[in-house]
Amino acid sequence: MAYEYEVFISYKRGGFKDLWMDTIFKPYFVETLGNYIANPRVFIDKTGLINGEDWSDKIIYALAHSKCLVAIISPAYFRNSEWCIKEFLTIKYRQQRLNLRAGSTPPSLMWLIAIQEFENVPPILHTIEYANYAKYNLVGDAFFKRDEFIDFQKDLQKDVRTVANIIRYAPAWQEEWDTQAWKDEIKKVIDDYFATNSDPKQGFLSW
C-alpha cells in the first residue's frame, strides 16, 4: 500500500462553510498547489465517500493514506464537530510518532487556517501556528470584486508553498498506519482527549 492523497481537507461542514469551500477555497487552493505538485490528489470527506460505505472506516483509511492535513479551523471546528477533532488528532498523533517538530523536514504534517477569529484559543492550538484567513470568510460574487479577493490570492500563493513542502518531504508511507493496532492507538488518544476536555459541548464520542 502507499499514499493515495496528497491532501486531506478537514473542515466543519454546513451552511456558508460549504459554499466558501466549494467556490472560493478549494478551486484556488488546488490550482495553486498544482503549480508545485503535479495533479495533487485531494480528499474532502463530503465528496470522497461512496453511498453505502462505512463513513468512519472510510475516513480513517483516507487519513492513513494522506500525506498531510489541511484544516479549515474555527471555534465550531473544535466545539461542535466530533469528526473534525478526530481528523485533527489522527494526523497530529502520526506527526508526534514521527517526531516531527521545528527544525525537522518537514516540521509538521498539518497546515491550519482560521476562517473565524477565536475569542479564546483552544488549548489544543496553543503550540500550533495557523494562518488567519478570517477576513476572507465571505461568499457570493461580490467577493471576487473586492480587494480582499486579491489579498486572498496573494496569501494563498505564499502559504501553499508550505503545503507543497510537506507533500514533497512527507515521510515514507508505513504499513503500520493501516493496521488495527494503529487504529486502536489513535482511538485511545481521541478517547483521552474527550475524557479530559472540559467543554460540555464536546461530551460526545462515537465509533
Protein backbone atom coordinates (compact mmCIF):
# COMPACT_ATOMS: atom_id res chain seq x y z
CA MET A 1 0.00 0.00 0.00
CA ALA A 2 1.01 3.63 -0.29
CA TYR A 3 -0.24 7.20 -0.15
CA GLU A 4 -3.37 7.81 -2.22
CA TYR A 5 -3.87 11.51 -1.46
CA GLU A 6 -1.55 14.45 -1.13
CA VAL A 7 -4.01 16.40 0.99
CA PHE A 8 -6.88 15.61 3.32
CA ILE A 9 -9.00 18.73 3.82
CA SER A 10 -10.79 18.85 7.15
CA TYR A 11 -13.49 21.42 7.88
CA LYS A 12 -16.77 21.83 9.75
CA ARG A 13 -19.45 21.28 7.17
CA GLY A 14 -22.76 23.09 6.88
CA GLY A 15 -24.18 26.43 5.78
CA PHE A 16 -21.88 29.06 4.31
CA LYS A 17 -18.81 26.95 5.04
CA ASP A 18 -19.74 24.55 2.24
CA LEU A 19 -20.23 27.40 -0.21
CA TRP A 20 -16.93 29.01 0.83
CA MET A 21 -15.14 25.69 0.42
CA ASP A 22 -16.70 24.87 -2.97
CA THR A 23 -16.50 28.28 -4.65
CA ILE A 24 -13.55 30.05 -3.05
CA PHE A 25 -11.05 27.95 -1.16
CA LYS A 26 -10.88 24.56 -2.88
CA PRO A 27 -10.69 25.74 -6.53
CA TYR A 28 -7.93 28.25 -5.85
CA PHE A 29 -6.11 26.01 -3.38
CA VAL A 30 -5.97 23.06 -5.79
CA GLU A 31 -4.96 25.26 -8.73
CA THR A 32 -2.24 27.00 -6.73
CA LEU A 33 -0.94 23.74 -5.27
CA GLY A 34 -0.80 22.38 -8.82
CA ASN A 35 1.92 24.94 -9.56
CA TYR A 36 4.19 22.96 -7.22
CA ILE A 37 2.76 19.43 -7.18
CA ALA A 38 1.57 17.83 -10.40
CA ASN A 39 -2.07 16.71 -10.27
CA PRO A 40 -2.47 16.89 -6.48
CA ARG A 41 -4.96 14.36 -5.13
CA VAL A 42 -7.25 15.99 -2.56
CA PHE A 43 -9.70 14.21 -0.28
CA ILE A 44 -12.68 16.01 1.23
CA ASP A 45 -14.93 13.70 3.17
CA LYS A 46 -18.23 15.09 1.86
CA THR A 47 -17.26 14.21 -1.72
CA GLY A 48 -14.89 11.31 -1.17
CA LEU A 49 -17.41 8.78 0.10
CA ILE A 50 -19.41 6.26 -1.86
CA ASN A 51 -23.02 5.62 -0.85
CA GLY A 52 -23.25 2.60 1.43
CA GLU A 53 -19.69 2.74 2.74
CA ASP A 54 -18.99 2.93 6.43
CA TRP A 55 -18.20 6.59 6.99
CA SER A 56 -15.82 6.19 9.89
CA ASP A 57 -13.79 3.41 8.26
CA LYS A 58 -13.53 5.41 5.04
CA ILE A 59 -12.28 8.49 6.87
CA ILE A 60 -9.74 6.50 8.90
CA TYR A 61 -8.49 4.91 5.67
CA ALA A 62 -8.26 8.25 3.85
CA LEU A 63 -6.33 9.81 6.72
CA ALA A 64 -3.93 6.87 6.83
CA HIS A 65 -3.23 7.30 3.12
CA SER A 66 -2.90 11.11 3.04
CA LYS A 67 0.43 12.91 3.18
CA CYS A 68 -0.88 15.91 5.09
CA LEU A 69 -3.91 17.55 6.65
CA VAL A 70 -5.21 20.98 5.69
CA ALA A 71 -7.60 22.01 8.45
CA ILE A 72 -10.01 24.92 7.99
CA ILE A 73 -10.48 25.79 11.63
CA SER A 74 -12.99 27.91 13.51
CA PRO A 75 -14.47 27.90 17.01
CA ALA A 76 -17.13 25.46 15.77
CA TYR A 77 -14.44 23.13 14.45
CA PHE A 78 -13.31 22.39 18.00
CA ARG A 79 -16.61 22.93 19.82
CA ASN A 80 -19.22 21.25 17.69
CA SER A 81 -17.62 18.67 15.43
CA GLU A 82 -16.59 15.31 16.82
CA TRP A 83 -15.29 14.19 13.44
CA CYS A 84 -13.17 17.29 12.83
CA ILE A 85 -11.41 16.68 16.13
CA LYS A 86 -10.89 13.03 15.23
CA GLU A 87 -9.34 14.01 11.90
CA PHE A 88 -7.12 16.62 13.53
CA LEU A 89 -5.91 14.34 16.33
CA THR A 90 -5.26 11.44 13.94
CA ILE A 91 -2.70 13.39 11.92
CA LYS A 92 -1.33 15.13 15.00
CA TYR A 93 -0.65 11.72 16.55
CA ARG A 94 1.17 10.49 13.43
CA GLN A 95 3.24 13.68 13.46
CA GLN A 96 4.22 13.09 17.07
CA ARG A 97 5.08 9.45 16.48
CA LEU A 98 7.33 10.50 13.58
CA ASN A 99 8.96 13.03 15.91
CA LEU A 100 8.33 15.92 13.51
CA ARG A 101 8.92 19.34 15.02
CA ALA A 102 10.54 22.70 14.33
CA GLY A 103 13.81 22.04 12.57
CA SER A 104 12.83 18.68 11.09
CA THR A 105 11.89 18.10 7.44
CA PRO A 106 9.02 18.51 7.21
CA PRO A 107 8.40 20.19 10.57
CA SER A 108 4.70 19.27 10.51
CA LEU A 109 2.08 17.23 8.67
CA MET A 110 -0.58 19.91 9.13
CA TRP A 111 -1.39 23.31 7.72
CA LEU A 112 -4.12 25.18 9.55
CA ILE A 113 -6.06 28.25 8.51
CA ALA A 114 -8.61 30.01 10.69
CA ILE A 115 -11.69 31.39 8.91
CA GLN A 116 -13.11 32.93 12.08
CA GLU A 117 -11.46 34.72 14.97
CA PHE A 118 -11.07 32.80 18.23
CA GLU A 119 -12.26 34.64 21.32
CA ASN A 120 -10.36 32.05 23.34
CA VAL A 121 -7.83 29.91 21.51
CA PRO A 122 -8.42 26.23 22.38
CA PRO A 123 -5.59 24.69 24.43
CA ILE A 124 -5.03 22.14 21.65
CA LEU A 125 -3.79 25.04 19.45
CA HIS A 126 -1.53 26.75 21.97
CA THR A 127 1.67 25.39 20.42
CA ILE A 128 0.48 25.26 16.82
CA GLU A 129 0.77 28.10 14.31
CA TYR A 130 -2.08 28.81 11.94
CA ALA A 131 -2.78 31.29 9.18
CA ASN A 132 -5.54 33.85 9.72
CA TYR A 133 -7.97 33.91 6.78
CA ALA A 134 -10.89 35.35 8.74
CA LYS A 135 -11.18 38.41 6.52
CA TYR A 136 -11.65 36.10 3.52
CA ASN A 137 -14.61 34.28 5.06
CA LEU A 138 -17.03 35.78 2.54
CA VAL A 139 -19.22 34.20 -0.12
CA GLY A 140 -21.05 35.49 -3.18
CA ASP A 141 -20.00 37.06 -6.45
CA ALA A 142 -19.29 40.41 -4.79
CA PHE A 143 -16.28 38.90 -3.00
CA PHE A 144 -14.45 38.43 -6.31
CA LYS A 145 -14.65 42.19 -6.94
CA ARG A 146 -13.28 43.23 -3.55
CA ASP A 147 -9.69 43.97 -2.57
CA GLU A 148 -9.90 41.08 -0.13
CA PHE A 149 -10.02 38.65 -3.04
CA ILE A 150 -6.69 39.95 -4.34
CA ASP A 151 -5.23 39.65 -0.84
CA PHE A 152 -6.66 36.13 -0.56
CA GLN A 153 -4.88 35.05 -3.75
CA LYS A 154 -1.58 36.59 -2.60
CA ASP A 155 -1.74 34.92 0.81
CA LEU A 156 -2.74 31.58 -0.67
CA GLN A 157 0.07 31.67 -3.22
CA LYS A 158 2.53 32.35 -0.40
CA ASP A 159 1.12 29.85 2.08
CA VAL A 160 0.57 26.96 -0.32
CA ARG A 161 4.34 26.62 -0.61
CA THR A 162 4.22 25.33 2.97
CA VAL A 163 1.77 22.61 1.96
CA ALA A 164 3.84 21.74 -1.11
CA ASN A 165 6.95 21.27 1.03
CA ILE A 166 5.08 19.00 3.44
CA ILE A 167 3.99 16.89 0.48
CA ARG A 168 7.46 16.80 -1.08
CA TYR A 169 9.16 15.73 2.13
CA ALA A 170 6.41 13.62 3.67
CA PRO A 171 7.89 10.57 5.41
CA ALA A 172 7.59 7.28 3.53
CA TRP A 173 4.23 5.60 3.96
CA GLN A 174 4.27 2.92 6.64
CA GLU A 175 2.18 -0.25 6.64
CA GLU A 176 1.67 0.21 10.37
CA TRP A 177 -0.75 3.07 9.65
CA ASP A 178 -3.18 0.64 8.04
CA THR A 179 -3.32 -1.85 10.91
CA GLN A 180 -5.88 -2.37 13.65
CA ALA A 181 -3.19 -1.80 16.27
CA TRP A 182 -2.54 1.69 14.88
CA LYS A 183 -6.26 2.46 14.79
CA ASP A 184 -6.55 1.36 18.41
CA GLU A 185 -3.70 3.68 19.41
CA ILE A 186 -5.38 6.63 17.70
CA LYS A 187 -8.75 5.80 19.22
CA LYS A 188 -7.15 5.84 22.68
CA VAL A 189 -5.62 9.27 22.00
CA ILE A 190 -9.02 10.55 20.91
CA ASP A 191 -10.85 8.90 23.80
CA ASP A 192 -8.39 10.50 26.24
CA TYR A 193 -8.92 13.90 24.62
CA PHE A 194 -12.68 13.77 25.00
CA ALA A 195 -12.43 12.34 28.51
CA THR A 196 -10.34 15.28 29.70
CA ASN A 197 -11.93 18.09 27.68
CA SER A 198 -13.91 20.40 29.94
CA ASP A 199 -16.27 21.79 27.29
CA PRO A 200 -19.66 20.07 27.80
CA LYS A 201 -20.44 20.56 24.11
CA GLN A 202 -17.69 18.05 23.39
CA GLY A 203 -19.14 15.43 25.68
CA PHE A 204 -19.93 13.07 22.81
CA LEU A 205 -17.98 10.31 21.19
CA SER A 206 -18.95 7.51 18.84
CA TRP A 207 -17.09 4.81 16.97
